[in-house]
N, C-alpha and C. Protein backbone atom coordinates (compact mmCIF):
# COMPACT_ATOMS: atom_id res chain seq x y z
N MET A 1 -0.05 9.10 15.97
CA MET A 1 -0.29 8.16 15.26
C MET A 1 -0.35 6.61 16.27
N SER A 2 -0.53 5.88 16.94
CA SER A 2 -0.05 5.96 17.96
C SER A 2 -0.45 4.06 17.32
N LEU A 3 0.88 3.72 17.64
CA LEU A 3 1.55 2.07 17.01
C LEU A 3 2.19 1.66 17.62
N LEU A 4 1.59 0.33 17.84
CA LEU A 4 2.07 -1.29 18.86
C LEU A 4 2.69 -1.80 18.04
N CYS A 5 4.13 -2.15 18.07
CA CYS A 5 5.09 -3.31 17.47
C CYS A 5 4.01 -4.44 16.78
N GLY A 6 3.89 -4.46 15.79
CA GLY A 6 3.08 -5.95 14.91
C GLY A 6 1.89 -5.88 15.08
N GLY A 7 1.26 -4.96 15.51
CA GLY A 7 -0.18 -4.28 15.36
C GLY A 7 -0.16 -3.76 13.97
N THR A 8 -1.65 -3.53 13.57
CA THR A 8 -1.48 -1.96 12.23
C THR A 8 -2.55 -1.31 12.73
N SER A 9 -2.36 -0.07 11.95
CA SER A 9 -2.97 1.55 12.76
C SER A 9 -4.27 0.85 12.41
N GLU A 10 -4.85 2.17 12.87
CA GLU A 10 -6.14 2.20 12.15
C GLU A 10 -6.03 2.90 10.46
N GLU A 11 -7.32 2.02 10.42
CA GLU A 11 -7.37 2.97 8.54
C GLU A 11 -7.77 4.43 8.55
N GLN A 12 -6.24 4.99 7.99
CA GLN A 12 -6.85 6.76 7.48
C GLN A 12 -6.65 6.70 6.39
N ASP A 13 -6.94 8.00 5.77
CA ASP A 13 -6.82 8.36 4.16
C ASP A 13 -5.90 8.28 4.28
N ALA A 14 -5.66 8.36 2.85
CA ALA A 14 -4.19 7.98 2.28
C ALA A 14 -3.38 9.62 2.44
N THR A 15 -1.71 9.26 3.04
CA THR A 15 -1.26 11.13 2.63
C THR A 15 -0.60 11.09 1.32
N ASP A 16 0.12 12.24 1.13
CA ASP A 16 1.22 12.44 0.17
C ASP A 16 2.49 11.44 0.02
N GLU A 17 2.64 11.43 1.33
CA GLU A 17 4.30 9.88 1.57
C GLU A 17 3.24 8.82 0.84
N VAL A 18 2.08 8.23 1.71
CA VAL A 18 1.40 7.23 0.84
C VAL A 18 1.27 6.92 -0.65
N GLN A 19 0.96 8.16 -1.45
CA GLN A 19 1.33 8.14 -2.68
C GLN A 19 1.97 8.62 -3.34
N LYS A 20 3.17 9.14 -2.74
CA LYS A 20 4.76 8.50 -2.96
C LYS A 20 5.30 7.41 -3.00
N ILE A 21 4.96 6.79 -2.13
CA ILE A 21 4.99 5.07 -2.15
C ILE A 21 4.40 4.20 -2.97
N CYS A 22 2.89 4.71 -3.58
CA CYS A 22 2.55 4.24 -4.80
C CYS A 22 3.00 4.49 -6.07
N ASP A 23 3.66 5.40 -6.11
CA ASP A 23 4.25 5.73 -7.67
C ASP A 23 5.25 5.63 -7.26
N GLU A 24 6.11 4.89 -6.55
CA GLU A 24 7.14 4.58 -6.94
C GLU A 24 7.46 2.86 -6.97
N VAL A 25 6.37 2.54 -6.52
CA VAL A 25 5.81 0.82 -6.75
C VAL A 25 4.87 0.47 -7.71
N LYS A 26 4.44 1.34 -8.41
CA LYS A 26 3.24 1.26 -9.46
C LYS A 26 4.08 0.41 -10.43
N PRO A 27 5.24 0.30 -11.12
CA PRO A 27 5.98 -0.89 -11.99
C PRO A 27 5.55 -2.34 -11.67
N HIS A 28 5.78 -2.17 -9.96
CA HIS A 28 5.87 -3.70 -10.32
C HIS A 28 4.50 -4.27 -9.29
N ALA A 29 3.76 -2.80 -9.29
CA ALA A 29 2.40 -3.96 -8.46
C ALA A 29 1.83 -4.08 -10.21
N GLU A 30 1.88 -3.58 -11.15
CA GLU A 30 1.45 -3.59 -12.87
C GLU A 30 2.01 -5.70 -13.31
N GLU A 31 3.37 -5.34 -12.72
CA GLU A 31 3.71 -6.24 -13.15
C GLU A 31 3.54 -7.34 -12.72
N LYS A 32 3.04 -7.49 -11.46
CA LYS A 32 2.52 -9.02 -10.60
C LYS A 32 1.09 -9.06 -10.99
N ALA A 33 0.17 -8.03 -10.97
CA ALA A 33 -0.94 -8.27 -11.52
C ALA A 33 -1.31 -8.70 -13.59
N GLY A 34 -0.49 -8.14 -13.96
CA GLY A 34 -0.86 -8.77 -15.62
C GLY A 34 -1.15 -7.70 -16.32
N LYS A 35 -1.38 -6.28 -15.55
CA LYS A 35 -2.65 -5.63 -16.63
C LYS A 35 -1.56 -4.41 -15.88
N THR A 36 -1.83 -3.00 -16.94
CA THR A 36 -1.35 -1.75 -16.92
C THR A 36 -3.18 -0.68 -15.83
N PHE A 37 -2.21 0.42 -15.22
CA PHE A 37 -3.17 1.40 -14.55
C PHE A 37 -3.19 1.76 -14.72
N ASP A 38 -4.11 2.95 -15.47
CA ASP A 38 -3.62 4.28 -16.46
C ASP A 38 -4.26 4.98 -15.01
N VAL A 39 -4.93 4.64 -14.42
CA VAL A 39 -4.99 5.31 -12.50
C VAL A 39 -4.68 5.01 -11.44
N PHE A 40 -3.93 5.52 -10.66
CA PHE A 40 -3.20 3.88 -9.29
C PHE A 40 -3.01 5.21 -8.28
N THR A 41 -4.26 6.15 -7.67
CA THR A 41 -4.13 6.94 -6.84
C THR A 41 -4.93 6.15 -4.97
N ALA A 42 -3.81 6.36 -4.24
CA ALA A 42 -3.84 5.91 -2.86
C ALA A 42 -5.09 6.22 -2.14
N LYS A 43 -6.19 5.81 -1.58
CA LYS A 43 -7.15 6.18 -0.91
C LYS A 43 -7.33 6.07 0.53
N SER A 44 -6.68 5.15 0.83
CA SER A 44 -6.74 4.83 2.41
C SER A 44 -5.40 4.41 2.55
N TYR A 45 -5.03 3.55 3.91
CA TYR A 45 -4.15 2.59 4.57
C TYR A 45 -4.23 2.11 6.05
N LYS A 46 -3.25 1.59 6.92
CA LYS A 46 -3.51 0.89 7.37
C LYS A 46 -1.33 0.85 7.90
N SER A 47 -1.19 1.10 8.69
CA SER A 47 0.46 0.78 9.02
C SER A 47 0.76 -0.55 9.83
N GLN A 48 1.71 -0.69 9.76
CA GLN A 48 2.16 -1.65 10.95
C GLN A 48 3.82 -1.46 11.32
N LEU A 49 3.91 -0.77 12.44
CA LEU A 49 5.65 -1.15 12.67
C LEU A 49 6.20 -2.26 13.01
N VAL A 50 7.30 -2.75 12.34
CA VAL A 50 7.96 -4.16 12.71
C VAL A 50 9.55 -3.47 12.04
N ALA A 51 10.29 -4.51 12.13
CA ALA A 51 11.93 -3.98 11.43
C ALA A 51 11.45 -2.49 10.33
N GLY A 52 11.28 -2.03 10.64
CA GLY A 52 10.25 -0.94 9.30
C GLY A 52 9.16 -0.96 9.33
N THR A 53 8.74 -0.44 8.09
CA THR A 53 7.28 0.06 8.10
C THR A 53 6.39 -0.98 7.17
N ASN A 54 5.52 -1.92 7.85
CA ASN A 54 4.61 -1.76 6.41
C ASN A 54 3.37 -1.34 6.13
N TYR A 55 3.16 -1.17 4.85
CA TYR A 55 2.35 -0.15 4.02
C TYR A 55 0.89 -1.71 3.24
N PHE A 56 0.19 -1.37 3.85
CA PHE A 56 -1.66 -1.56 3.75
C PHE A 56 -2.42 -0.67 3.07
N ILE A 57 -2.31 -0.89 1.70
CA ILE A 57 -2.52 0.41 1.21
C ILE A 57 -3.91 0.08 0.54
N LYS A 58 -5.13 0.65 0.22
CA LYS A 58 -5.87 1.01 -0.93
C LYS A 58 -6.19 1.84 -1.81
N VAL A 59 -5.64 1.19 -3.49
CA VAL A 59 -5.07 2.42 -4.56
C VAL A 59 -6.88 2.16 -5.27
N HIS A 60 -6.79 3.13 -6.29
CA HIS A 60 -7.98 2.73 -6.73
C HIS A 60 -7.35 2.72 -7.91
N VAL A 61 -8.11 1.85 -9.08
CA VAL A 61 -7.50 1.67 -10.12
C VAL A 61 -8.09 2.35 -11.86
N GLY A 62 -9.07 2.80 -11.20
CA GLY A 62 -10.21 3.34 -12.75
C GLY A 62 -11.68 2.84 -12.42
N GLY A 63 -12.77 3.16 -12.55
CA GLY A 63 -13.69 2.86 -12.68
C GLY A 63 -14.53 2.22 -10.75
N ASP A 64 -15.01 0.79 -11.08
CA ASP A 64 -14.74 0.66 -9.33
C ASP A 64 -13.77 0.07 -8.86
N ASP A 65 -12.78 -0.37 -9.38
CA ASP A 65 -12.12 -1.39 -9.67
C ASP A 65 -11.00 -0.85 -8.59
N PHE A 66 -10.65 -1.48 -7.19
CA PHE A 66 -8.89 -1.09 -6.15
C PHE A 66 -8.39 -2.32 -6.86
N VAL A 67 -7.29 -2.01 -6.62
CA VAL A 67 -6.52 -3.31 -5.80
C VAL A 67 -5.52 -2.55 -3.66
N HIS A 68 -5.44 -3.72 -3.26
CA HIS A 68 -4.95 -3.41 -1.94
C HIS A 68 -3.21 -3.80 -2.60
N LEU A 69 -2.35 -2.87 -1.72
CA LEU A 69 -0.74 -3.30 -1.88
C LEU A 69 -0.55 -3.75 0.14
N ARG A 70 0.14 -4.87 -0.33
CA ARG A 70 1.41 -4.03 0.78
C ARG A 70 2.90 -4.28 0.83
N VAL A 71 3.27 -2.99 1.03
CA VAL A 71 4.69 -2.18 0.98
C VAL A 71 5.06 -2.63 2.10
N TYR A 72 6.84 -2.53 2.08
CA TYR A 72 7.60 -2.86 3.06
C TYR A 72 8.43 -1.28 2.45
N LYS A 73 8.62 -0.55 3.94
CA LYS A 73 9.70 0.45 3.61
C LYS A 73 10.87 0.12 5.00
N MET A 74 12.12 -0.40 4.63
CA MET A 74 13.45 0.00 5.39
C MET A 74 13.11 1.06 6.02
N LEU A 75 14.01 0.53 7.61
CA LEU A 75 14.05 1.61 8.16
C LEU A 75 15.39 2.83 7.29
N PRO A 76 15.31 4.07 7.83
CA PRO A 76 16.19 4.56 7.49
C PRO A 76 17.53 4.45 6.92
N HIS A 77 18.16 4.24 8.45
CA HIS A 77 19.39 4.17 8.08
C HIS A 77 19.85 2.73 7.04
N ALA A 78 18.82 1.75 6.59
CA ALA A 78 18.90 1.00 5.65
C ALA A 78 18.65 1.56 3.90
N GLY A 79 18.61 2.57 3.92
CA GLY A 79 18.20 3.61 2.48
C GLY A 79 17.18 3.86 2.32
N GLU A 80 15.78 3.62 3.50
CA GLU A 80 14.55 4.46 2.89
C GLU A 80 14.05 3.37 1.45
N LYS A 81 15.16 1.94 1.33
CA LYS A 81 14.48 1.57 0.15
C LYS A 81 13.13 0.46 0.26
N LEU A 82 12.12 0.79 -1.20
CA LEU A 82 10.63 -0.02 -0.71
C LEU A 82 10.54 -1.31 -1.28
N GLU A 83 9.95 -2.40 -1.26
CA GLU A 83 9.66 -3.98 -1.54
C GLU A 83 7.84 -3.74 -1.74
N LEU A 84 7.59 -4.23 -3.11
CA LEU A 84 6.36 -4.70 -2.91
C LEU A 84 6.21 -5.87 -2.60
N HIS A 85 5.64 -6.60 -1.56
CA HIS A 85 5.61 -7.67 -0.84
C HIS A 85 3.86 -8.12 -1.23
N GLY A 86 2.70 -7.99 -1.91
CA GLY A 86 1.75 -8.17 -2.46
C GLY A 86 1.12 -7.18 -2.86
N ILE A 87 -0.09 -8.20 -3.54
CA ILE A 87 -0.99 -7.12 -4.07
C ILE A 87 -2.04 -8.24 -3.99
N GLN A 88 -3.65 -7.19 -3.80
CA GLN A 88 -4.60 -8.37 -3.90
C GLN A 88 -5.63 -7.43 -5.47
N THR A 89 -6.11 -8.63 -5.86
CA THR A 89 -6.76 -7.22 -7.18
C THR A 89 -8.30 -7.87 -6.90
N SER A 90 -8.99 -7.10 -7.65
CA SER A 90 -10.21 -7.37 -7.97
C SER A 90 -11.23 -7.11 -6.04
N LYS A 91 -10.65 -6.13 -5.86
CA LYS A 91 -11.28 -5.64 -4.56
C LYS A 91 -12.14 -3.97 -4.87
N ALA A 92 -13.04 -3.38 -4.18
CA ALA A 92 -14.09 -2.81 -4.20
C ALA A 92 -13.83 -1.38 -3.20
N HIS A 93 -13.81 -0.47 -3.59
CA HIS A 93 -14.19 0.64 -2.76
C HIS A 93 -14.57 0.49 -1.01
N HIS A 94 -15.91 -0.63 -1.08
CA HIS A 94 -16.23 -1.20 0.75
C HIS A 94 -15.11 -2.56 0.80
N ASP A 95 -14.41 -2.97 0.62
CA ASP A 95 -13.16 -3.89 1.05
C ASP A 95 -12.92 -3.21 2.02
N PRO A 96 -12.57 -3.89 3.09
CA PRO A 96 -11.68 -3.61 4.24
C PRO A 96 -9.94 -3.86 3.54
N ILE A 97 -9.67 -2.74 4.82
CA ILE A 97 -8.09 -3.21 4.17
C ILE A 97 -7.96 -4.86 5.40
N GLU A 98 -6.87 -5.18 4.87
CA GLU A 98 -6.74 -6.48 5.55
C GLU A 98 -4.97 -6.83 5.43
N TYR A 99 -4.65 -7.57 6.85
CA TYR A 99 -3.48 -7.86 6.89
C TYR A 99 -3.59 -8.40 5.65
N PHE A 100 -2.02 -9.04 4.76
CA PHE A 100 -2.11 -10.38 3.61
C PHE A 100 -0.40 -9.79 3.65
């Protein structure tokens, strides 16, 4: 996976690591969206190398509904802390993952 600093990667299938990130930020995503998600399955993602990594993740939340998450993962020496920086709701499977 080649990354340019500041640019996002190509969209790729979600990995176990990306699903773990989603699992960890799910309560924060539910709080920001104002609803509970029975399903929360990462489907695909893009990443952006900054002073850490931004993950833009497409997440299936049940039925035909998806959300897009922006999660920041700090560099390892900072404790690998995750922060949910944004959520876009009312997304569909075919909606591309965009920077937000």
